[in-house]
Amino acid sequence: MGGISRAAAAFTATVLACLPVRADDTTCPEHDRYATIMAGARTEWPESNPVKLSPEWTEYFMLGYNDDQQSEEPTVADTVVAFPLPPDIAATSYFFGFVDDCLTFYADLTEAKVMHLIEKGHAIAESGKDTPAVE
């Protein structure tokens, strides 16, 4: 199975070094902007066809993600974009979350984990549990 290139690792390190950006942060550096992140990701993973989650799936994903994270301050996103990679390149997909076009999180997740988060988030939404996911 192929590995992730050094460039991908450097891109990942650059993105992670910029986190976390929270929704209440009114400044967003250019390197955290949606267009900049998407351009870098498309360059790094040309074999991937990015998928923007629907607003409903974004809500479910974020509810499940925050429930799993158990942090004091929930991560928020109004847009989530996945970069799935072919299995011969990586076993995970890369997810970027944004609020008002500013990066709020980055995660690499397996397909099973993504489905778990969405299913968990759907259950949370159906139960009416008050967990902020989108601002």
Protein backbone atom coordinates (compact mmCIF):
# COMPACT_ATOMS: atom_id res chain seq x y z
CA MET A 1 0.00 0.00 0.00
CA GLY A 2 1.33 3.42 -0.90
CA GLY A 3 2.15 5.98 1.74
CA ILE A 4 1.53 9.65 2.05
CA SER A 5 4.15 11.79 0.36
CA ARG A 6 6.49 14.09 2.22
CA ALA A 7 4.65 17.01 0.64
CA ALA A 8 1.36 15.69 2.04
CA ALA A 9 2.93 15.36 5.46
CA ALA A 10 4.26 18.93 5.23
CA PHE A 11 0.86 20.21 4.07
CA THR A 12 -0.79 18.38 6.99
CA ALA A 13 1.74 19.80 9.46
CA THR A 14 1.12 23.31 8.11
CA VAL A 15 -2.64 22.95 8.50
CA LEU A 16 -2.35 21.47 11.99
CA ALA A 17 0.00 24.24 13.10
CA CYS A 18 -2.75 26.74 12.36
CA LEU A 19 -5.39 25.08 14.53
CA PRO A 20 -7.59 25.63 16.36
CA VAL A 21 -9.43 28.62 15.01
CA ARG A 22 -12.71 29.14 16.82
CA ALA A 23 -15.90 30.69 15.50
CA ASP A 24 -15.62 33.64 17.86
CA ASP A 25 -12.19 34.54 16.44
CA THR A 26 -12.93 37.49 14.14
CA THR A 27 -9.63 37.32 12.31
CA CYS A 28 -8.78 34.67 9.77
CA PRO A 29 -5.29 34.56 8.31
CA GLU A 30 -5.08 34.02 4.56
CA HIS A 31 -3.58 30.53 5.04
CA ASP A 32 -6.75 29.48 6.94
CA ARG A 33 -9.18 30.74 4.27
CA TYR A 34 -11.39 28.24 2.43
CA ALA A 35 -9.96 29.05 -1.01
CA THR A 36 -6.36 28.74 0.20
CA ILE A 37 -6.96 25.42 1.99
CA MET A 38 -8.90 23.98 -0.96
CA ALA A 39 -6.23 25.03 -3.47
CA GLY A 40 -3.51 23.44 -1.35
CA ALA A 41 -5.50 20.25 -0.81
CA ARG A 42 -6.35 19.92 -4.51
CA THR A 43 -2.67 20.35 -5.36
CA GLU A 44 -1.59 17.85 -2.73
CA TRP A 45 -4.26 15.24 -3.46
CA PRO A 46 -5.06 15.55 -7.20
CA GLU A 47 -6.42 11.99 -7.22
CA SER A 48 -9.17 13.00 -4.79
CA ASN A 49 -12.55 14.38 -5.76
CA PRO A 50 -13.51 16.66 -2.86
CA VAL A 51 -17.01 16.31 -1.47
CA LYS A 52 -18.81 19.13 0.32
CA LEU A 53 -21.21 17.71 2.88
CA SER A 54 -24.80 18.90 2.73
CA PRO A 55 -25.92 21.26 5.53
CA GLU A 56 -27.85 18.38 7.14
CA TRP A 57 -24.88 15.99 7.03
CA THR A 58 -22.57 18.77 8.23
CA GLU A 59 -24.81 19.20 11.29
CA TYR A 60 -24.84 15.45 11.98
CA PHE A 61 -21.10 15.13 11.40
CA MET A 62 -20.32 18.00 13.78
CA LEU A 63 -22.70 16.74 16.48
CA GLY A 64 -21.04 13.32 16.36
CA TYR A 65 -17.54 14.81 16.12
CA ASN A 66 -18.07 17.02 19.18
CA ASP A 67 -19.63 14.19 21.15
CA ASP A 68 -16.55 12.06 20.44
CA GLN A 69 -14.09 14.89 21.21
CA GLN A 70 -15.53 15.65 24.66
CA SER A 71 -13.72 18.99 24.78
CA GLU A 72 -14.80 21.95 26.90
CA GLU A 73 -15.32 24.13 23.84
CA PRO A 74 -17.09 22.43 20.93
CA THR A 75 -15.66 22.71 17.46
CA VAL A 76 -18.02 24.47 15.06
CA ALA A 77 -18.37 24.38 11.29
CA ASP A 78 -20.94 25.57 8.81
CA THR A 79 -19.09 23.86 5.93
CA VAL A 80 -17.31 20.49 5.92
CA VAL A 81 -15.35 19.25 2.92
CA ALA A 82 -13.98 15.73 2.57
CA PHE A 83 -11.02 14.71 0.44
CA PRO A 84 -11.38 10.93 0.06
CA LEU A 85 -8.28 9.18 -1.21
CA PRO A 86 -8.13 5.85 -3.06
CA PRO A 87 -7.43 2.94 -0.65
CA ASP A 88 -4.09 2.19 -2.33
CA ILE A 89 -2.89 5.67 -1.29
CA ALA A 90 -4.36 6.06 2.21
CA ALA A 91 -6.90 4.35 4.46
CA THR A 92 -8.33 7.67 5.58
CA SER A 93 -10.08 10.68 4.13
CA TYR A 94 -9.19 14.22 5.03
CA PHE A 95 -11.86 16.55 6.42
CA PHE A 96 -11.71 20.31 6.70
CA GLY A 97 -14.31 22.34 8.62
CA PHE A 98 -14.96 26.04 8.16
CA VAL A 99 -17.05 28.81 9.70
CA ASP A 100 -17.57 31.80 7.44
CA ASP A 101 -14.85 30.43 5.12
CA CYS A 102 -12.28 30.22 7.94
CA LEU A 103 -10.73 26.89 8.94
CA THR A 104 -11.91 25.58 12.32
CA PHE A 105 -10.68 21.99 12.19
CA TYR A 106 -8.87 19.34 10.22
CA ALA A 107 -9.17 15.59 10.73
CA ASP A 108 -8.14 12.44 8.94
CA LEU A 109 -10.76 9.74 9.45
CA THR A 110 -11.54 6.27 8.21
CA GLU A 111 -14.77 5.67 6.33
CA ALA A 112 -16.12 3.67 9.28
CA LYS A 113 -15.37 6.53 11.67
CA VAL A 114 -17.10 9.07 9.41
CA MET A 115 -20.23 6.92 9.21
CA HIS A 116 -20.12 6.46 13.01
CA LEU A 117 -19.92 10.23 13.56
CA ILE A 118 -22.79 10.95 11.15
CA GLU A 119 -24.99 8.22 12.66
CA LYS A 120 -24.19 9.40 16.18
CA GLY A 121 -24.90 13.02 15.21
CA HIS A 122 -28.21 12.02 13.64
CA ALA A 123 -29.20 10.22 16.85
CA ILE A 124 -28.22 13.29 18.90
CA ALA A 125 -30.24 15.58 16.60
CA GLU A 126 -33.25 13.27 16.79
CA SER A 127 -33.04 13.16 20.59
CA GLY A 128 -32.98 16.95 20.80
CA LYS A 129 -29.78 16.95 22.88
CA ASP A 130 -28.40 20.50 22.95
CA THR A 131 -24.95 20.25 21.40
CA PRO A 132 -23.71 23.19 19.31
CA ALA A 133 -22.37 22.09 15.95
CA VAL A 134 -22.93 25.07 13.68
CA GLU A 135 -22.93 28.74 14.46
